[in-house]
Amino acid sequence: MTERTEAALRARIDELMTAGVSADLEKLDRIYHDDLQILSLTIDGDLMTLDKAGCLAMLEQTFKDETPEDHLWAKVHAVTVSGDRGHVLISRKIPIGGPKMMFDLSIDLVFQDGRWQVIREVNFGRPDAEAA
């Protein structure tokens, strides 16, 4: 992941998804920037914010008894790189906030310390239409 290319950024997002649903905290610690900020908006308009420690704790709790392969569905809408900045727009089906939720994530990354790191996520969650 030492390249500042769209392919390397996409590979980093794949790594993030796998580490997240596996609750691989060691790997997540290297992917998430120390200044991580997560803003998550629910369908009811409620805003939840998390920092890196809060995010890691939430992922550990959410996926501790889950089968990682059940939660790898994703649709990547856009991947862009501009120098040391990257952005990914992606939809995911993950059990955060309910058993079957669809999340649209706008993920900002920074290339720092020789690797892509997630610095901010802005998420919108809603019930998965297929599960309704």
N, C-alpha and C. Protein backbone atom coordinates (compact mmCIF):
# COMPACT_ATOMS: atom_id res chain seq x y z
N MET A 1 0.82 -1.20 0.00
CA MET A 1 0.00 0.00 0.00
C MET A 1 0.85 1.25 0.00
N THR A 2 2.05 1.18 -0.50
CA THR A 2 2.93 2.33 -0.46
C THR A 2 2.80 3.20 -1.70
N GLU A 3 1.80 2.97 -2.53
CA GLU A 3 1.61 3.76 -3.73
C GLU A 3 0.43 4.71 -3.55
N ARG A 4 0.52 5.84 -4.20
CA ARG A 4 -0.55 6.84 -4.16
C ARG A 4 -1.38 6.71 -5.44
N THR A 5 -1.97 5.53 -5.62
CA THR A 5 -2.77 5.25 -6.81
C THR A 5 -4.17 4.82 -6.41
N GLU A 6 -5.09 4.89 -7.35
CA GLU A 6 -6.45 4.43 -7.07
C GLU A 6 -6.47 2.93 -6.78
N ALA A 7 -5.64 2.16 -7.46
CA ALA A 7 -5.59 0.71 -7.21
C ALA A 7 -5.10 0.42 -5.80
N ALA A 8 -4.10 1.13 -5.33
CA ALA A 8 -3.59 0.92 -3.98
C ALA A 8 -4.61 1.37 -2.94
N LEU A 9 -5.32 2.45 -3.24
CA LEU A 9 -6.36 2.93 -2.32
C LEU A 9 -7.50 1.91 -2.24
N ARG A 10 -7.89 1.38 -3.38
CA ARG A 10 -8.95 0.36 -3.40
C ARG A 10 -8.52 -0.88 -2.61
N ALA A 11 -7.26 -1.28 -2.76
CA ALA A 11 -6.74 -2.44 -2.01
C ALA A 11 -6.79 -2.15 -0.51
N ARG A 12 -6.51 -0.92 -0.13
CA ARG A 12 -6.54 -0.55 1.29
C ARG A 12 -7.97 -0.63 1.83
N ILE A 13 -8.94 -0.23 1.02
CA ILE A 13 -10.34 -0.31 1.44
C ILE A 13 -10.76 -1.77 1.59
N ASP A 14 -10.32 -2.63 0.69
CA ASP A 14 -10.61 -4.06 0.82
C ASP A 14 -10.02 -4.60 2.12
N GLU A 15 -8.80 -4.17 2.43
CA GLU A 15 -8.14 -4.57 3.67
C GLU A 15 -8.92 -4.06 4.88
N LEU A 16 -9.40 -2.82 4.80
CA LEU A 16 -10.20 -2.24 5.87
C LEU A 16 -11.47 -3.03 6.11
N MET A 17 -12.17 -3.39 5.03
CA MET A 17 -13.42 -4.14 5.18
C MET A 17 -13.17 -5.48 5.86
N THR A 18 -12.17 -6.19 5.41
CA THR A 18 -11.86 -7.50 5.99
C THR A 18 -11.45 -7.38 7.46
N ALA A 19 -10.60 -6.41 7.76
CA ALA A 19 -10.16 -6.21 9.15
C ALA A 19 -11.34 -5.79 10.02
N GLY A 20 -12.23 -4.96 9.49
CA GLY A 20 -13.38 -4.50 10.28
C GLY A 20 -14.31 -5.62 10.67
N VAL A 21 -14.72 -6.44 9.70
CA VAL A 21 -15.67 -7.52 10.00
C VAL A 21 -15.01 -8.67 10.75
N SER A 22 -13.69 -8.69 10.77
CA SER A 22 -12.95 -9.70 11.55
C SER A 22 -12.56 -9.17 12.93
N ALA A 23 -12.86 -7.89 13.17
CA ALA A 23 -12.46 -7.21 14.41
C ALA A 23 -10.97 -7.39 14.67
N ASP A 24 -10.18 -7.25 13.61
CA ASP A 24 -8.71 -7.35 13.70
C ASP A 24 -8.19 -5.99 14.16
N LEU A 25 -8.16 -5.78 15.47
CA LEU A 25 -7.83 -4.48 16.03
C LEU A 25 -6.41 -4.04 15.72
N GLU A 26 -5.49 -4.97 15.62
CA GLU A 26 -4.11 -4.61 15.30
C GLU A 26 -4.02 -4.03 13.89
N LYS A 27 -4.68 -4.68 12.96
CA LYS A 27 -4.67 -4.19 11.57
C LYS A 27 -5.45 -2.88 11.45
N LEU A 28 -6.58 -2.80 12.13
CA LEU A 28 -7.38 -1.58 12.11
C LEU A 28 -6.61 -0.40 12.69
N ASP A 29 -5.81 -0.66 13.71
CA ASP A 29 -5.02 0.41 14.33
C ASP A 29 -4.07 1.04 13.32
N ARG A 30 -3.58 0.25 12.37
CA ARG A 30 -2.67 0.78 11.34
C ARG A 30 -3.42 1.44 10.18
N ILE A 31 -4.65 1.03 9.97
CA ILE A 31 -5.45 1.61 8.88
C ILE A 31 -6.10 2.92 9.31
N TYR A 32 -6.58 2.97 10.54
CA TYR A 32 -7.23 4.18 11.03
C TYR A 32 -6.19 5.16 11.56
N HIS A 33 -6.28 6.38 11.13
CA HIS A 33 -5.39 7.47 11.57
C HIS A 33 -5.67 7.76 13.05
N ASP A 34 -4.66 8.21 13.76
CA ASP A 34 -4.84 8.55 15.18
C ASP A 34 -5.89 9.64 15.38
N ASP A 35 -6.08 10.50 14.39
CA ASP A 35 -7.06 11.58 14.48
C ASP A 35 -8.38 11.23 13.80
N LEU A 36 -8.67 9.94 13.67
CA LEU A 36 -9.90 9.49 13.02
C LEU A 36 -11.13 10.17 13.60
N GLN A 37 -12.02 10.56 12.70
CA GLN A 37 -13.31 11.12 13.09
C GLN A 37 -14.37 10.41 12.26
N ILE A 38 -15.36 9.85 12.94
CA ILE A 38 -16.48 9.20 12.26
C ILE A 38 -17.75 9.95 12.62
N LEU A 39 -18.49 10.32 11.59
CA LEU A 39 -19.79 10.97 11.75
C LEU A 39 -20.81 10.06 11.09
N SER A 40 -21.75 9.57 11.85
CA SER A 40 -22.73 8.63 11.32
C SER A 40 -24.13 9.17 11.55
N LEU A 41 -24.88 9.30 10.46
CA LEU A 41 -26.23 9.85 10.49
C LEU A 41 -27.23 8.72 10.28
N THR A 42 -28.22 8.63 11.18
CA THR A 42 -29.24 7.59 11.06
C THR A 42 -30.39 8.10 10.20
N ILE A 43 -31.27 7.20 9.82
CA ILE A 43 -32.43 7.56 9.02
C ILE A 43 -33.35 8.51 9.79
N ASP A 44 -33.28 8.49 11.12
CA ASP A 44 -34.07 9.38 11.96
C ASP A 44 -33.43 10.75 12.15
N GLY A 45 -32.25 10.93 11.57
CA GLY A 45 -31.57 12.21 11.69
C GLY A 45 -30.68 12.33 12.90
N ASP A 46 -30.48 11.25 13.63
CA ASP A 46 -29.59 11.27 14.78
C ASP A 46 -28.15 11.17 14.31
N LEU A 47 -27.27 11.94 14.95
CA LEU A 47 -25.85 11.94 14.62
C LEU A 47 -25.07 11.27 15.73
N MET A 48 -24.22 10.32 15.36
CA MET A 48 -23.31 9.67 16.30
C MET A 48 -21.90 9.98 15.83
N THR A 49 -21.04 10.38 16.76
CA THR A 49 -19.65 10.63 16.40
C THR A 49 -18.76 9.69 17.21
N LEU A 50 -17.69 9.25 16.58
CA LEU A 50 -16.73 8.36 17.23
C LEU A 50 -15.32 8.81 16.88
N ASP A 51 -14.41 8.58 17.81
CA ASP A 51 -12.99 8.74 17.53
C ASP A 51 -12.41 7.35 17.29
N LYS A 52 -11.11 7.26 17.16
CA LYS A 52 -10.48 5.97 16.85
C LYS A 52 -10.77 4.93 17.93
N ALA A 53 -10.59 5.28 19.18
CA ALA A 53 -10.81 4.31 20.27
C ALA A 53 -12.27 3.86 20.29
N GLY A 54 -13.20 4.78 20.11
CA GLY A 54 -14.61 4.43 20.09
C GLY A 54 -14.97 3.54 18.91
N CYS A 55 -14.37 3.81 17.76
CA CYS A 55 -14.60 3.00 16.58
C CYS A 55 -14.10 1.58 16.78
N LEU A 56 -12.88 1.44 17.29
CA LEU A 56 -12.31 0.11 17.51
C LEU A 56 -13.16 -0.68 18.51
N ALA A 57 -13.60 -0.04 19.57
CA ALA A 57 -14.43 -0.71 20.56
C ALA A 57 -15.77 -1.15 19.96
N MET A 58 -16.38 -0.29 19.14
CA MET A 58 -17.64 -0.61 18.52
C MET A 58 -17.50 -1.79 17.55
N LEU A 59 -16.44 -1.79 16.73
CA LEU A 59 -16.22 -2.89 15.80
C LEU A 59 -15.94 -4.20 16.53
N GLU A 60 -15.16 -4.13 17.60
CA GLU A 60 -14.88 -5.33 18.39
C GLU A 60 -16.17 -5.91 18.96
N GLN A 61 -17.03 -5.07 19.50
CA GLN A 61 -18.29 -5.53 20.08
C GLN A 61 -19.24 -6.05 19.00
N THR A 62 -19.35 -5.34 17.90
CA THR A 62 -20.30 -5.70 16.84
C THR A 62 -19.96 -7.04 16.19
N PHE A 63 -18.69 -7.29 15.95
CA PHE A 63 -18.31 -8.46 15.15
C PHE A 63 -17.70 -9.61 15.96
N LYS A 64 -17.77 -9.54 17.29
CA LYS A 64 -17.12 -10.57 18.11
C LYS A 64 -17.69 -11.97 17.89
N ASP A 65 -18.98 -12.10 17.64
CA ASP A 65 -19.59 -13.41 17.44
C ASP A 65 -20.11 -13.60 16.02
N GLU A 66 -19.63 -12.79 15.10
CA GLU A 66 -20.10 -12.84 13.71
C GLU A 66 -19.13 -13.62 12.83
N THR A 67 -19.65 -14.13 11.72
CA THR A 67 -18.83 -14.78 10.71
C THR A 67 -18.42 -13.70 9.71
N PRO A 68 -17.12 -13.37 9.62
CA PRO A 68 -16.67 -12.26 8.77
C PRO A 68 -17.17 -12.35 7.32
N GLU A 69 -17.18 -13.53 6.75
CA GLU A 69 -17.58 -13.70 5.35
C GLU A 69 -19.03 -13.28 5.10
N ASP A 70 -19.86 -13.27 6.15
CA ASP A 70 -21.26 -12.87 6.01
C ASP A 70 -21.43 -11.37 5.82
N HIS A 71 -20.36 -10.60 6.00
CA HIS A 71 -20.49 -9.14 6.04
C HIS A 71 -19.52 -8.43 5.09
N LEU A 72 -19.14 -9.07 4.01
CA LEU A 72 -18.19 -8.47 3.07
C LEU A 72 -18.85 -7.83 1.85
N TRP A 73 -20.19 -7.84 1.79
CA TRP A 73 -20.86 -7.23 0.65
C TRP A 73 -20.50 -5.75 0.59
N ALA A 74 -20.17 -5.29 -0.62
CA ALA A 74 -19.85 -3.88 -0.81
C ALA A 74 -20.08 -3.50 -2.26
N LYS A 75 -20.46 -2.25 -2.46
CA LYS A 75 -20.54 -1.68 -3.80
C LYS A 75 -19.73 -0.39 -3.76
N VAL A 76 -18.63 -0.39 -4.49
CA VAL A 76 -17.77 0.80 -4.56
C VAL A 76 -18.30 1.70 -5.67
N HIS A 77 -18.61 2.94 -5.31
CA HIS A 77 -19.16 3.89 -6.27
C HIS A 77 -18.07 4.77 -6.89
N ALA A 78 -17.06 5.11 -6.09
CA ALA A 78 -16.00 6.00 -6.60
C ALA A 78 -14.75 5.85 -5.75
N VAL A 79 -13.60 5.90 -6.41
CA VAL A 79 -12.29 5.90 -5.76
C VAL A 79 -11.47 6.99 -6.46
N THR A 80 -11.00 7.96 -5.68
CA THR A 80 -10.20 9.03 -6.27
C THR A 80 -8.97 9.31 -5.41
N VAL A 81 -7.90 9.69 -6.09
CA VAL A 81 -6.65 10.05 -5.43
C VAL A 81 -6.20 11.40 -5.99
N SER A 82 -5.79 12.27 -5.07
CA SER A 82 -5.23 13.56 -5.45
C SER A 82 -4.04 13.83 -4.54
N GLY A 83 -2.85 13.46 -5.01
CA GLY A 83 -1.65 13.62 -4.18
C GLY A 83 -1.69 12.71 -2.97
N ASP A 84 -1.64 13.31 -1.78
CA ASP A 84 -1.65 12.56 -0.52
C ASP A 84 -3.05 12.37 0.05
N ARG A 85 -4.06 12.71 -0.73
CA ARG A 85 -5.46 12.60 -0.28
C ARG A 85 -6.19 11.60 -1.14
N GLY A 86 -7.05 10.83 -0.50
CA GLY A 86 -7.86 9.87 -1.23
C GLY A 86 -9.29 9.91 -0.73
N HIS A 87 -10.21 9.49 -1.58
CA HIS A 87 -11.61 9.44 -1.19
C HIS A 87 -12.25 8.20 -1.80
N VAL A 88 -13.09 7.55 -1.00
CA VAL A 88 -13.85 6.39 -1.47
C VAL A 88 -15.30 6.58 -1.07
N LEU A 89 -16.19 6.36 -2.02
CA LEU A 89 -17.63 6.36 -1.77
C LEU A 89 -18.08 4.92 -1.97
N ILE A 90 -18.68 4.34 -0.92
CA ILE A 90 -18.98 2.92 -0.92
C ILE A 90 -20.26 2.65 -0.15
N SER A 91 -20.99 1.63 -0.54
CA SER A 91 -22.15 1.15 0.21
C SER A 91 -21.81 -0.21 0.78
N ARG A 92 -22.24 -0.45 2.02
CA ARG A 92 -21.97 -1.71 2.71
C ARG A 92 -23.22 -2.21 3.40
N LYS A 93 -23.32 -3.54 3.56
CA LYS A 93 -24.37 -4.16 4.36
C LYS A 93 -23.68 -4.76 5.57
N ILE A 94 -23.89 -4.13 6.73
CA ILE A 94 -23.25 -4.57 7.97
C ILE A 94 -24.23 -4.44 9.13
N PRO A 95 -24.06 -5.25 10.18
CA PRO A 95 -25.03 -5.28 11.28
C PRO A 95 -24.77 -4.25 12.38
N ILE A 96 -24.51 -3.02 12.00
CA ILE A 96 -24.31 -1.96 13.00
C ILE A 96 -25.61 -1.18 13.10
N GLY A 97 -26.19 -1.13 14.30
CA GLY A 97 -27.44 -0.41 14.49
C GLY A 97 -28.67 -1.25 14.18
N GLY A 98 -28.49 -2.49 13.82
CA GLY A 98 -29.59 -3.39 13.48
C GLY A 98 -29.04 -4.63 12.82
N PRO A 99 -29.87 -5.66 12.69
CA PRO A 99 -29.37 -6.91 12.13
C PRO A 99 -28.95 -6.80 10.67
N LYS A 100 -29.67 -6.05 9.88
CA LYS A 100 -29.33 -5.88 8.47
C LYS A 100 -29.46 -4.40 8.14
N MET A 101 -28.32 -3.74 8.03
CA MET A 101 -28.32 -2.31 7.74
C MET A 101 -27.50 -2.03 6.49
N MET A 102 -27.96 -1.05 5.73
CA MET A 102 -27.22 -0.57 4.57
C MET A 102 -26.58 0.75 4.97
N PHE A 103 -25.28 0.84 4.76
CA PHE A 103 -24.55 2.07 5.06
C PHE A 103 -23.93 2.60 3.79
N ASP A 104 -24.11 3.90 3.56
CA ASP A 104 -23.39 4.61 2.51
C ASP A 104 -22.28 5.37 3.23
N LEU A 105 -21.04 5.11 2.82
CA LEU A 105 -19.88 5.68 3.51
C LEU A 105 -19.08 6.56 2.56
N SER A 106 -18.77 7.75 3.02
CA SER A 106 -17.86 8.65 2.33
C SER A 106 -16.58 8.64 3.18
N ILE A 107 -15.53 8.04 2.65
CA ILE A 107 -14.31 7.80 3.42
C ILE A 107 -13.16 8.65 2.88
N ASP A 108 -12.61 9.50 3.74
CA ASP A 108 -11.45 10.31 3.39
C ASP A 108 -10.20 9.65 3.96
N LEU A 109 -9.18 9.54 3.13
CA LEU A 109 -7.91 8.95 3.55
C LEU A 109 -6.77 9.91 3.29
N VAL A 110 -5.71 9.75 4.06
CA VAL A 110 -4.50 10.53 3.89
C VAL A 110 -3.34 9.56 3.76
N PHE A 111 -2.43 9.85 2.85
CA PHE A 111 -1.23 9.02 2.71
C PHE A 111 -0.18 9.61 3.64
N GLN A 112 0.11 8.88 4.71
CA GLN A 112 1.02 9.37 5.75
C GLN A 112 1.78 8.18 6.33
N ASP A 113 3.01 8.40 6.70
CA ASP A 113 3.86 7.33 7.26
C ASP A 113 3.95 6.13 6.31
N GLY A 114 3.95 6.42 5.00
CA GLY A 114 4.14 5.37 4.00
C GLY A 114 2.94 4.50 3.73
N ARG A 115 1.74 4.94 4.16
CA ARG A 115 0.55 4.10 3.94
C ARG A 115 -0.71 4.98 3.92
N TRP A 116 -1.76 4.44 3.29
CA TRP A 116 -3.06 5.09 3.32
C TRP A 116 -3.70 4.87 4.68
N GLN A 117 -4.24 5.95 5.27
CA GLN A 117 -4.91 5.87 6.56
C GLN A 117 -6.26 6.60 6.48
N VAL A 118 -7.28 5.99 7.06
CA VAL A 118 -8.60 6.61 7.10
C VAL A 118 -8.56 7.71 8.15
N ILE A 119 -8.89 8.93 7.74
CA ILE A 119 -8.90 10.05 8.67
C ILE A 119 -10.32 10.49 9.02
N ARG A 120 -11.27 10.24 8.09
CA ARG A 120 -12.65 10.61 8.38
C ARG A 120 -13.60 9.72 7.58
N GLU A 121 -14.70 9.35 8.24
CA GLU A 121 -15.80 8.65 7.58
C GLU A 121 -17.08 9.43 7.88
N VAL A 122 -17.87 9.65 6.85
CA VAL A 122 -19.19 10.22 7.01
C VAL A 122 -20.15 9.16 6.49
N ASN A 123 -21.01 8.66 7.37
CA ASN A 123 -21.84 7.50 7.06
C ASN A 123 -23.33 7.83 7.21
N PHE A 124 -24.14 7.20 6.37
CA PHE A 124 -25.58 7.26 6.48
C PHE A 124 -26.09 5.83 6.53
N GLY A 125 -26.81 5.49 7.62
CA GLY A 125 -27.31 4.13 7.79
C GLY A 125 -28.83 4.08 7.70
N ARG A 126 -29.30 2.99 7.11
CA ARG A 126 -30.74 2.77 6.98
C ARG A 126 -30.98 1.27 6.92
N PRO A 127 -32.19 0.81 7.20
CA PRO A 127 -32.47 -0.62 7.08
C PRO A 127 -32.22 -1.10 5.67
N ASP A 128 -31.70 -2.30 5.54
CA ASP A 128 -31.45 -2.91 4.24
C ASP A 128 -32.81 -3.27 3.62
N ALA A 129 -33.11 -2.75 2.44
CA ALA A 129 -34.39 -2.98 1.78
C ALA A 129 -34.64 -4.46 1.54
N GLU A 130 -33.61 -5.24 1.27
CA GLU A 130 -33.78 -6.67 1.02
C GLU A 130 -34.19 -7.42 2.28
N ALA A 131 -33.83 -6.89 3.44
CA ALA A 131 -34.16 -7.56 4.70
C ALA A 131 -35.55 -7.18 5.19
N ALA A 132 -36.10 -6.10 4.65
CA ALA A 132 -37.42 -5.61 5.11
C ALA A 132 -38.55 -6.47 4.61
